[in-house]
Amino acid sequence: MRSSKPITVTLGNQQKSVDARVESGAYGSASEVLRAALRALDREEDAINEIMKQKIRDALDDPRPDVDAETAFDRIERLHAERGGADGNGN
């Protein structure tokens, strides 16, 4: 019994990329290309998640004192004003 089910996918411009990979012989079918692409996406998402987890751990382990939200936003607004704001006039 098949462990997966067939699906229909509309690829648009990516169809050319899939076709080229199959025609080159690098992959035996469009299904192989898409499975490889999903494995690559899984690896990318896992890497990003690990980076984010590490940043959170680093932030939680940071020995510097916490900054309350009001102070943080004051600093951001001051920095924004010093840089001329979005429209160059401090706005």
PDB file of N, CA and C in Angstrom:
ATOM      1  N   MET A   1       0.838  -1.187   0.000  1.00  0.00           N
ATOM      2  CA  MET A   1       0.000   0.000   0.000  1.00  0.00           C
ATOM      3  C   MET A   1       0.883   1.251   0.000  1.00  0.00           C
ATOM      4  N   ARG A   2       0.505   2.220  -0.752  1.00  0.00           N
ATOM      5  CA  ARG A   2       1.238   3.474  -0.898  1.00  0.00           C
ATOM      6  C   ARG A   2       1.127   4.279   0.396  1.00  0.00           C
ATOM      7  N   SER A   3       2.271   4.822   0.858  1.00  0.00           N
ATOM      8  CA  SER A   3       2.260   5.613   2.095  1.00  0.00           C
ATOM      9  C   SER A   3       1.986   7.089   1.838  1.00  0.00           C
ATOM     10  N   SER A   4       1.953   7.476   0.577  1.00  0.00           N
ATOM     11  CA  SER A   4       1.657   8.860   0.236  1.00  0.00           C
ATOM     12  C   SER A   4       0.542   8.881  -0.789  1.00  0.00           C
ATOM     13  N   LYS A   5      -0.050  10.041  -0.949  1.00  0.00           N
ATOM     14  CA  LYS A   5      -1.132  10.141  -1.924  1.00  0.00           C
ATOM     15  C   LYS A   5      -0.731  11.103  -3.036  1.00  0.00           C
ATOM     16  N   PRO A   6      -1.176  10.812  -4.237  1.00  0.00           N
ATOM     17  CA  PRO A   6      -0.873  11.720  -5.349  1.00  0.00           C
ATOM     18  C   PRO A   6      -1.577  13.063  -5.134  1.00  0.00           C
ATOM     19  N   ILE A   7      -0.903  14.128  -5.523  1.00  0.00           N
ATOM     20  CA  ILE A   7      -1.499  15.465  -5.453  1.00  0.00           C
ATOM     21  C   ILE A   7      -1.265  16.167  -6.782  1.00  0.00           C
ATOM     22  N   THR A   8      -2.054  17.186  -7.025  1.00  0.00           N
ATOM     23  CA  THR A   8      -1.865  18.026  -8.201  1.00  0.00           C
ATOM     24  C   THR A   8      -1.355  19.369  -7.724  1.00  0.00           C
ATOM     25  N   VAL A   9      -0.290  19.843  -8.363  1.00  0.00           N
ATOM     26  CA  VAL A   9       0.331  21.103  -7.962  1.00  0.00           C
ATOM     27  C   VAL A   9       0.505  21.976  -9.199  1.00  0.00           C
ATOM     28  N   THR A  10       0.168  23.254  -9.079  1.00  0.00           N
ATOM     29  CA  THR A  10       0.417  24.211 -10.151  1.00  0.00           C
ATOM     30  C   THR A  10       1.675  24.983  -9.786  1.00  0.00           C
ATOM     31  N   LEU A  11       2.718  24.852 -10.585  1.00  0.00           N
ATOM     32  CA  LEU A  11       4.014  25.440 -10.262  1.00  0.00           C
ATOM     33  C   LEU A  11       4.275  26.783 -10.922  1.00  0.00           C
ATOM     34  N   GLY A  12       3.542  27.119 -11.941  1.00  0.00           N
ATOM     35  CA  GLY A  12       3.809  28.386 -12.621  1.00  0.00           C
ATOM     36  C   GLY A  12       5.204  28.385 -13.209  1.00  0.00           C
ATOM     37  N   ASN A  13       5.954  29.461 -12.956  1.00  0.00           N
ATOM     38  CA  ASN A  13       7.301  29.598 -13.520  1.00  0.00           C
ATOM     39  C   ASN A  13       8.275  28.544 -13.009  1.00  0.00           C
ATOM     40  N   GLN A  14       8.028  27.991 -11.836  1.00  0.00           N
ATOM     41  CA  GLN A  14       8.928  26.970 -11.289  1.00  0.00           C
ATOM     42  C   GLN A  14       8.884  25.667 -12.082  1.00  0.00           C
ATOM     43  N   GLN A  15       7.853  25.493 -12.903  1.00  0.00           N
ATOM     44  CA  GLN A  15       7.747  24.269 -13.717  1.00  0.00           C
ATOM     45  C   GLN A  15       8.979  24.111 -14.607  1.00  0.00           C
ATOM     46  N   LYS A  16       9.474  25.225 -15.150  1.00  0.00           N
ATOM     47  CA  LYS A  16      10.665  25.174 -16.016  1.00  0.00           C
ATOM     48  C   LYS A  16      11.865  24.633 -15.240  1.00  0.00           C
ATOM     49  N   SER A  17      11.987  25.051 -14.001  1.00  0.00           N
ATOM     50  CA  SER A  17      13.102  24.597 -13.165  1.00  0.00           C
ATOM     51  C   SER A  17      12.999  23.094 -12.891  1.00  0.00           C
ATOM     52  N   VAL A  18      11.798  22.639 -12.594  1.00  0.00           N
ATOM     53  CA  VAL A  18      11.578  21.207 -12.357  1.00  0.00           C
ATOM     54  C   VAL A  18      11.897  20.424 -13.628  1.00  0.00           C
ATOM     55  N   ASP A  19      11.356  20.872 -14.763  1.00  0.00           N
ATOM     56  CA  ASP A  19      11.589  20.188 -16.031  1.00  0.00           C
ATOM     57  C   ASP A  19      13.080  20.124 -16.369  1.00  0.00           C
ATOM     58  N   ALA A  20      13.788  21.209 -16.147  1.00  0.00           N
ATOM     59  CA  ALA A  20      15.222  21.241 -16.456  1.00  0.00           C
ATOM     60  C   ALA A  20      15.992  20.241 -15.609  1.00  0.00           C
ATOM     61  N   ARG A  21      15.626  20.109 -14.352  1.00  0.00           N
ATOM     62  CA  ARG A  21      16.315  19.159 -13.479  1.00  0.00           C
ATOM     63  C   ARG A  21      16.046  17.711 -13.910  1.00  0.00           C
ATOM     64  N   VAL A  22      14.828  17.437 -14.309  1.00  0.00           N
ATOM     65  CA  VAL A  22      14.503  16.087 -14.776  1.00  0.00           C
ATOM     66  C   VAL A  22      15.216  15.818 -16.103  1.00  0.00           C
ATOM     67  N   GLU A  23      15.159  16.778 -17.021  1.00  0.00           N
ATOM     68  CA  GLU A  23      15.801  16.606 -18.332  1.00  0.00           C
ATOM     69  C   GLU A  23      17.315  16.453 -18.227  1.00  0.00           C
ATOM     70  N   SER A  24      17.918  17.073 -17.191  1.00  0.00           N
ATOM     71  CA  SER A  24      19.377  16.970 -17.022  1.00  0.00           C
ATOM     72  C   SER A  24      19.793  15.587 -16.539  1.00  0.00           C
ATOM     73  N   GLY A  25      18.835  14.836 -16.040  1.00  0.00           N
ATOM     74  CA  GLY A  25      19.156  13.513 -15.505  1.00  0.00           C
ATOM     75  C   GLY A  25      19.468  13.532 -14.017  1.00  0.00           C
ATOM     76  N   ALA A  26      19.500  14.718 -13.429  1.00  0.00           N
ATOM     77  CA  ALA A  26      19.797  14.822 -11.997  1.00  0.00           C
ATOM     78  C   ALA A  26      18.693  14.189 -11.151  1.00  0.00           C
ATOM     79  N   TYR A  27      17.477  14.194 -11.682  1.00  0.00           N
ATOM     80  CA  TYR A  27      16.328  13.606 -10.990  1.00  0.00           C
ATOM     81  C   TYR A  27      15.559  12.757 -11.979  1.00  0.00           C
ATOM     82  N   GLY A  28      14.942  11.699 -11.475  1.00  0.00           N
ATOM     83  CA  GLY A  28      14.204  10.796 -12.334  1.00  0.00           C
ATOM     84  C   GLY A  28      12.798  11.242 -12.647  1.00  0.00           C
ATOM     85  N   SER A  29      12.265  12.146 -11.832  1.00  0.00           N
ATOM     86  CA  SER A  29      10.885  12.589 -12.042  1.00  0.00           C
ATOM     87  C   SER A  29      10.646  13.915 -11.331  1.00  0.00           C
ATOM     88  N   ALA A  30       9.528  14.536 -11.684  1.00  0.00           N
ATOM     89  CA  ALA A  30       9.146  15.772 -11.002  1.00  0.00           C
ATOM     90  C   ALA A  30       8.918  15.505  -9.517  1.00  0.00           C
ATOM     91  N   SER A  31       8.398  14.337  -9.187  1.00  0.00           N
ATOM     92  CA  SER A  31       8.179  13.997  -7.783  1.00  0.00           C
ATOM     93  C   SER A  31       9.487  13.994  -7.001  1.00  0.00           C
ATOM     94  N   GLU A  32      10.540  13.458  -7.614  1.00  0.00           N
ATOM     95  CA  GLU A  32      11.849  13.452  -6.939  1.00  0.00           C
ATOM     96  C   GLU A  32      12.339  14.877  -6.699  1.00  0.00           C
ATOM     97  N   VAL A  33      12.145  15.753  -7.686  1.00  0.00           N
ATOM     98  CA  VAL A  33      12.562  17.151  -7.543  1.00  0.00           C
ATOM     99  C   VAL A  33      11.813  17.795  -6.382  1.00  0.00           C
ATOM    100  N   LEU A  34      10.507  17.600  -6.342  1.00  0.00           N
ATOM    101  CA  LEU A  34       9.709  18.227  -5.288  1.00  0.00           C
ATOM    102  C   LEU A  34      10.039  17.655  -3.918  1.00  0.00           C
ATOM    103  N   ARG A  35      10.304  16.353  -3.824  1.00  0.00           N
ATOM    104  CA  ARG A  35      10.701  15.781  -2.526  1.00  0.00           C
ATOM    105  C   ARG A  35      12.036  16.376  -2.073  1.00  0.00           C
ATOM    106  N   ALA A  36      12.978  16.516  -3.010  1.00  0.00           N
ATOM    107  CA  ALA A  36      14.272  17.118  -2.665  1.00  0.00           C
ATOM    108  C   ALA A  36      14.087  18.567  -2.225  1.00  0.00           C
ATOM    109  N   ALA A  37      13.197  19.287  -2.914  1.00  0.00           N
ATOM    110  CA  ALA A  37      12.951  20.689  -2.549  1.00  0.00           C
ATOM    111  C   ALA A  37      12.347  20.778  -1.150  1.00  0.00           C
ATOM    112  N   LEU A  38      11.430  19.883  -0.824  1.00  0.00           N
ATOM    113  CA  LEU A  38      10.824  19.902   0.513  1.00  0.00           C
ATOM    114  C   LEU A  38      11.834  19.524   1.596  1.00  0.00           C
ATOM    115  N   ARG A  39      12.738  18.582   1.280  1.00  0.00           N
ATOM    116  CA  ARG A  39      13.792  18.253   2.247  1.00  0.00           C
ATOM    117  C   ARG A  39      14.695  19.463   2.490  1.00  0.00           C
ATOM    118  N   ALA A  40      15.021  20.190   1.421  1.00  0.00           N
ATOM    119  CA  ALA A  40      15.849  21.394   1.559  1.00  0.00           C
ATOM    120  C   ALA A  40      15.112  22.450   2.378  1.00  0.00           C
ATOM    121  N   LEU A  41      13.820  22.624   2.141  1.00  0.00           N
ATOM    122  CA  LEU A  41      13.023  23.567   2.914  1.00  0.00           C
ATOM    123  C   LEU A  41      12.990  23.175   4.385  1.00  0.00           C
ATOM    124  N   ASP A  42      12.844  21.875   4.659  1.00  0.00           N
ATOM    125  CA  ASP A  42      12.870  21.400   6.049  1.00  0.00           C
ATOM    126  C   ASP A  42      14.203  21.734   6.710  1.00  0.00           C
ATOM    127  N   ARG A  43      15.310  21.509   5.984  1.00  0.00           N
ATOM    128  CA  ARG A  43      16.638  21.822   6.545  1.00  0.00           C
ATOM    129  C   ARG A  43      16.769  23.311   6.819  1.00  0.00           C
ATOM    130  N   GLU A  44      16.294  24.137   5.884  1.00  0.00           N
ATOM    131  CA  GLU A  44      16.370  25.584   6.052  1.00  0.00           C
ATOM    132  C   GLU A  44      15.552  26.037   7.259  1.00  0.00           C
ATOM    133  N   GLU A  45      14.334  25.538   7.375  1.00  0.00           N
ATOM    134  CA  GLU A  45      13.491  25.917   8.512  1.00  0.00           C
ATOM    135  C   GLU A  45      14.087  25.439   9.824  1.00  0.00           C
ATOM    136  N   ASP A  46      14.659  24.223   9.837  1.00  0.00           N
ATOM    137  CA  ASP A  46      15.313  23.718  11.051  1.00  0.00           C
ATOM    138  C   ASP A  46      16.482  24.617  11.442  1.00  0.00           C
ATOM    139  N   ALA A  47      17.265  25.044  10.456  1.00  0.00           N
ATOM    140  CA  ALA A  47      18.415  25.918  10.739  1.00  0.00           C
ATOM    141  C   ALA A  47      17.951  27.261  11.288  1.00  0.00           C
ATOM    142  N   ILE A  48      16.920  27.837  10.677  1.00  0.00           N
ATOM    143  CA  ILE A  48      16.399  29.120  11.154  1.00  0.00           C
ATOM    144  C   ILE A  48      15.850  28.971  12.565  1.00  0.00           C
ATOM    145  N   ASN A  49      15.111  27.893  12.808  1.00  0.00           N
ATOM    146  CA  ASN A  49      14.576  27.661  14.157  1.00  0.00           C
ATOM    147  C   ASN A  49      15.689  27.527  15.185  1.00  0.00           C
ATOM    148  N   GLU A  50      16.765  26.839  14.824  1.00  0.00           N
ATOM    149  CA  GLU A  50      17.875  26.688  15.761  1.00  0.00           C
ATOM    150  C   GLU A  50      18.550  28.034  16.031  1.00  0.00           C
ATOM    151  N   ILE A  51      18.705  28.851  14.991  1.00  0.00           N
ATOM    152  CA  ILE A  51      19.278  30.189  15.174  1.00  0.00           C
ATOM    153  C   ILE A  51      18.400  31.013  16.112  1.00  0.00           C
ATOM    154  N   MET A  52      17.096  30.967  15.893  1.00  0.00           N
ATOM    155  CA  MET A  52      16.175  31.734  16.747  1.00  0.00           C
ATOM    156  C   MET A  52      16.208  31.226  18.185  1.00  0.00           C
ATOM    157  N   LYS A  53      16.241  29.906  18.365  1.00  0.00           N
ATOM    158  CA  LYS A  53      16.336  29.350  19.724  1.00  0.00           C
ATOM    159  C   LYS A  53      17.612  29.820  20.409  1.00  0.00           C
ATOM    160  N   GLN A  54      18.721  29.834  19.654  1.00  0.00           N
ATOM    161  CA  GLN A  54      19.987  30.283  20.231  1.00  0.00           C
ATOM    162  C   GLN A  54      19.923  31.759  20.605  1.00  0.00           C
ATOM    163  N   LYS A  55      19.302  32.583  19.757  1.00  0.00           N
ATOM    164  CA  LYS A  55      19.160  34.006  20.072  1.00  0.00           C
ATOM    165  C   LYS A  55      18.315  34.201  21.326  1.00  0.00           C
ATOM    166  N   ILE A  56      17.275  33.401  21.479  1.00  0.00           N
ATOM    167  CA  ILE A  56      16.435  33.485  22.681  1.00  0.00           C
ATOM    168  C   ILE A  56      17.235  33.060  23.905  1.00  0.00           C
ATOM    169  N   ARG A  57      17.998  31.945  23.783  1.00  0.00           N
ATOM    170  CA  ARG A  57      18.834  31.507  24.909  1.00  0.00           C
ATOM    171  C   ARG A  57      19.843  32.591  25.279  1.00  0.00           C
ATOM    172  N   ASP A  58      20.474  33.183  24.245  1.00  0.00           N
ATOM    173  CA  ASP A  58      21.453  34.243  24.496  1.00  0.00           C
ATOM    174  C   ASP A  58      20.802  35.428  25.208  1.00  0.00           C
ATOM    175  N   ALA A  59      19.603  35.796  24.781  1.00  0.00           N
ATOM    176  CA  ALA A  59      18.912  36.925  25.403  1.00  0.00           C
ATOM    177  C   ALA A  59      18.549  36.613  26.852  1.00  0.00           C
ATOM    178  N   LEU A  60      18.076  35.396  27.091  1.00  0.00           N
ATOM    179  CA  LEU A  60      17.708  35.022  28.466  1.00  0.00           C
ATOM    180  C   LEU A  60      18.929  34.926  29.370  1.00  0.00           C
ATOM    181  N   ASP A  61      20.063  34.531  28.790  1.00  0.00           N
ATOM    182  CA  ASP A  61      21.302  34.396  29.569  1.00  0.00           C
ATOM    183  C   ASP A  61      22.076  35.700  29.688  1.00  0.00           C
ATOM    184  N   ASP A  62      21.641  36.746  28.997  1.00  0.00           N
ATOM    185  CA  ASP A  62      22.342  38.031  29.007  1.00  0.00           C
ATOM    186  C   ASP A  62      22.341  38.597  30.427  1.00  0.00           C
ATOM    187  N   PRO A  63      23.529  38.857  30.982  1.00  0.00           N
ATOM    188  CA  PRO A  63      23.600  39.329  32.361  1.00  0.00           C
ATOM    189  C   PRO A  63      23.243  40.807  32.538  1.00  0.00           C
ATOM    190  N   ARG A  64      23.131  41.528  31.440  1.00  0.00           N
ATOM    191  CA  ARG A  64      22.804  42.945  31.574  1.00  0.00           C
ATOM    192  C   ARG A  64      21.398  43.108  32.134  1.00  0.00           C
ATOM    193  N   PRO A  65      21.157  44.209  32.845  1.00  0.00           N
ATOM    194  CA  PRO A  65      19.823  44.404  33.411  1.00  0.00           C
ATOM    195  C   PRO A  65      18.766  44.571  32.319  1.00  0.00           C
ATOM    196  N   ASP A  66      17.544  44.159  32.658  1.00  0.00           N
ATOM    197  CA  ASP A  66      16.424  44.309  31.722  1.00  0.00           C
ATOM    198  C   ASP A  66      16.130  45.782  31.488  1.00  0.00           C
ATOM    199  N   VAL A  67      15.566  46.069  30.320  1.00  0.00           N
ATOM    200  CA  VAL A  67      15.148  47.428  29.978  1.00  0.00           C
ATOM    201  C   VAL A  67      13.634  47.385  29.826  1.00  0.00           C
ATOM    202  N   ASP A  68      12.924  48.263  30.539  1.00  0.00           N
ATOM    203  CA  ASP A  68      11.469  48.255  30.424  1.00  0.00           C
ATOM    204  C   ASP A  68      11.055  48.783  29.061  1.00  0.00           C
ATOM    205  N   ALA A  69       9.832  48.463  28.646  1.00  0.00           N
ATOM    206  CA  ALA A  69       9.345  48.801  27.311  1.00  0.00           C
ATOM    207  C   ALA A  69       9.367  50.304  27.059  1.00  0.00           C
ATOM    208  N   GLU A  70       8.994  51.094  28.051  1.00  0.00           N
ATOM    209  CA  GLU A  70       8.954  52.548  27.849  1.00  0.00           C
ATOM    210  C   GLU A  70      10.340  53.092  27.528  1.00  0.00           C
ATOM    211  N   THR A  71      11.349  52.625  28.255  1.00  0.00           N
ATOM    212  CA  THR A  71      12.720  53.052  28.001  1.00  0.00           C
ATOM    213  C   THR A  71      13.172  52.598  26.614  1.00  0.00           C
ATOM    214  N   ALA A  72      12.848  51.366  26.261  1.00  0.00           N
ATOM    215  CA  ALA A  72      13.245  50.842  24.958  1.00  0.00           C
ATOM    216  C   ALA A  72      12.630  51.675  23.834  1.00  0.00           C
ATOM    217  N   PHE A  73      11.322  51.965  23.938  1.00  0.00           N
ATOM    218  CA  PHE A  73      10.669  52.747  22.891  1.00  0.00           C
ATOM    219  C   PHE A  73      11.184  54.182  22.855  1.00  0.00           C
ATOM    220  N   ASP A  74      11.505  54.744  24.007  1.00  0.00           N
ATOM    221  CA  ASP A  74      12.102  56.079  24.020  1.00  0.00           C
ATOM    222  C   ASP A  74      13.416  56.082  23.256  1.00  0.00           C
ATOM    223  N   ARG A  75      14.228  55.053  23.473  1.00  0.00           N
ATOM    224  CA  ARG A  75      15.510  54.953  22.773  1.00  0.00           C
ATOM    225  C   ARG A  75      15.299  54.812  21.270  1.00  0.00           C
ATOM    226  N   ILE A  76      14.334  53.988  20.882  1.00  0.00           N
ATOM    227  CA  ILE A  76      14.054  53.785  19.456  1.00  0.00           C
ATOM    228  C   ILE A  76      13.576  55.085  18.819  1.00  0.00           C
ATOM    229  N   GLU A  77      12.658  55.780  19.490  1.00  0.00           N
ATOM    230  CA  GLU A  77      12.142  57.044  18.949  1.00  0.00           C
ATOM    231  C   GLU A  77      13.246  58.090  18.844  1.00  0.00           C
ATOM    232  N   ARG A  78      14.125  58.147  19.828  1.00  0.00           N
ATOM    233  CA  ARG A  78      15.231  59.102  19.798  1.00  0.00           C
ATOM    234  C   ARG A  78      16.175  58.776  18.641  1.00  0.00           C
ATOM    235  N   LEU A  79      16.507  57.494  18.479  1.00  0.00           N
ATOM    236  CA  LEU A  79      17.381  57.077  17.383  1.00  0.00           C
ATOM    237  C   LEU A  79      16.725  57.388  16.042  1.00  0.00           C
ATOM    238  N   HIS A  80      15.447  57.134  15.935  1.00  0.00           N
ATOM    239  CA  HIS A  80      14.701  57.415  14.697  1.00  0.00           C
ATOM    240  C   HIS A  80      14.747  58.911  14.381  1.00  0.00           C
ATOM    241  N   ALA A  81      14.533  59.751  15.393  1.00  0.00           N
ATOM    242  CA  ALA A  81      14.554  61.206  15.199  1.00  0.00           C
ATOM    243  C   ALA A  81      15.959  61.670  14.797  1.00  0.00           C
ATOM    244  N   GLU A  82      16.994  61.087  15.413  1.00  0.00           N
ATOM    245  CA  GLU A  82      18.375  61.464  15.086  1.00  0.00           C
ATOM    246  C   GLU A  82      18.711  61.117  13.633  1.00  0.00           C
ATOM    247  N   ARG A  83      18.106  60.075  13.127  1.00  0.00           N
ATOM    248  CA  ARG A  83      18.366  59.634  11.749  1.00  0.00           C
ATOM    249  C   ARG A  83      17.470  60.350  10.744  1.00  0.00           C
ATOM    250  N   GLY A  84      16.632  61.241  11.207  1.00  0.00           N
ATOM    251  CA  GLY A  84      15.816  62.023  10.301  1.00  0.00           C
ATOM    252  C   GLY A  84      14.444  61.448  10.040  1.00  0.00           C
ATOM    253  N   GLY A  85      14.077  60.364  10.698  1.00  0.00           N
ATOM    254  CA  GLY A  85      12.755  59.798  10.508  1.00  0.00           C
ATOM    255  C   GLY A  85      12.572  59.220   9.135  1.00  0.00           C
ATOM    256  N   ALA A  86      11.404  58.688   8.900  1.00  0.00           N
ATOM    257  CA  ALA A  86      11.108  58.005   7.641  1.00  0.00           C
ATOM    258  C   ALA A  86      11.097  58.963   6.457  1.00  0.00           C
ATOM    259  N   ASP A  87      10.627  60.208   6.683  1.00  0.00           N
ATOM    260  CA  ASP A  87      10.516  61.139   5.560  1.00  0.00           C
ATOM    261  C   ASP A  87      11.607  62.194   5.558  1.00  0.00           C
ATOM    262  N   GLY A  88      12.610  62.017   6.443  1.00  0.00           N
ATOM    263  CA  GLY A  88      13.709  62.971   6.502  1.00  0.00           C
ATOM    264  C   GLY A  88      13.392  64.183   7.350  1.00  0.00           C
ATOM    265  N   ASN A  89      12.185  64.280   7.883  1.00  0.00           N
ATOM    266  CA  ASN A  89      11.786  65.410   8.728  1.00  0.00           C
ATOM    267  C   ASN A  89      11.464  64.979  10.151  1.00  0.00           C
ATOM    268  N   GLY A  90      11.937  63.812  10.539  1.00  0.00           N
ATOM    269  CA  GLY A  90      11.677  63.340  11.887  1.00  0.00           C
ATOM    270  C   GLY A  90      10.322  62.675  12.032  1.00  0.00           C
ATOM    271  N   ASN A  91       9.608  62.448  10.933  1.00  0.00           N
ATOM    272  CA  ASN A  91       8.295  61.784  10.998  1.00  0.00           C
ATOM    273  C   ASN A  91       8.361  60.380  10.475  1.00  0.00           C
TER     274      ASN A  91
END
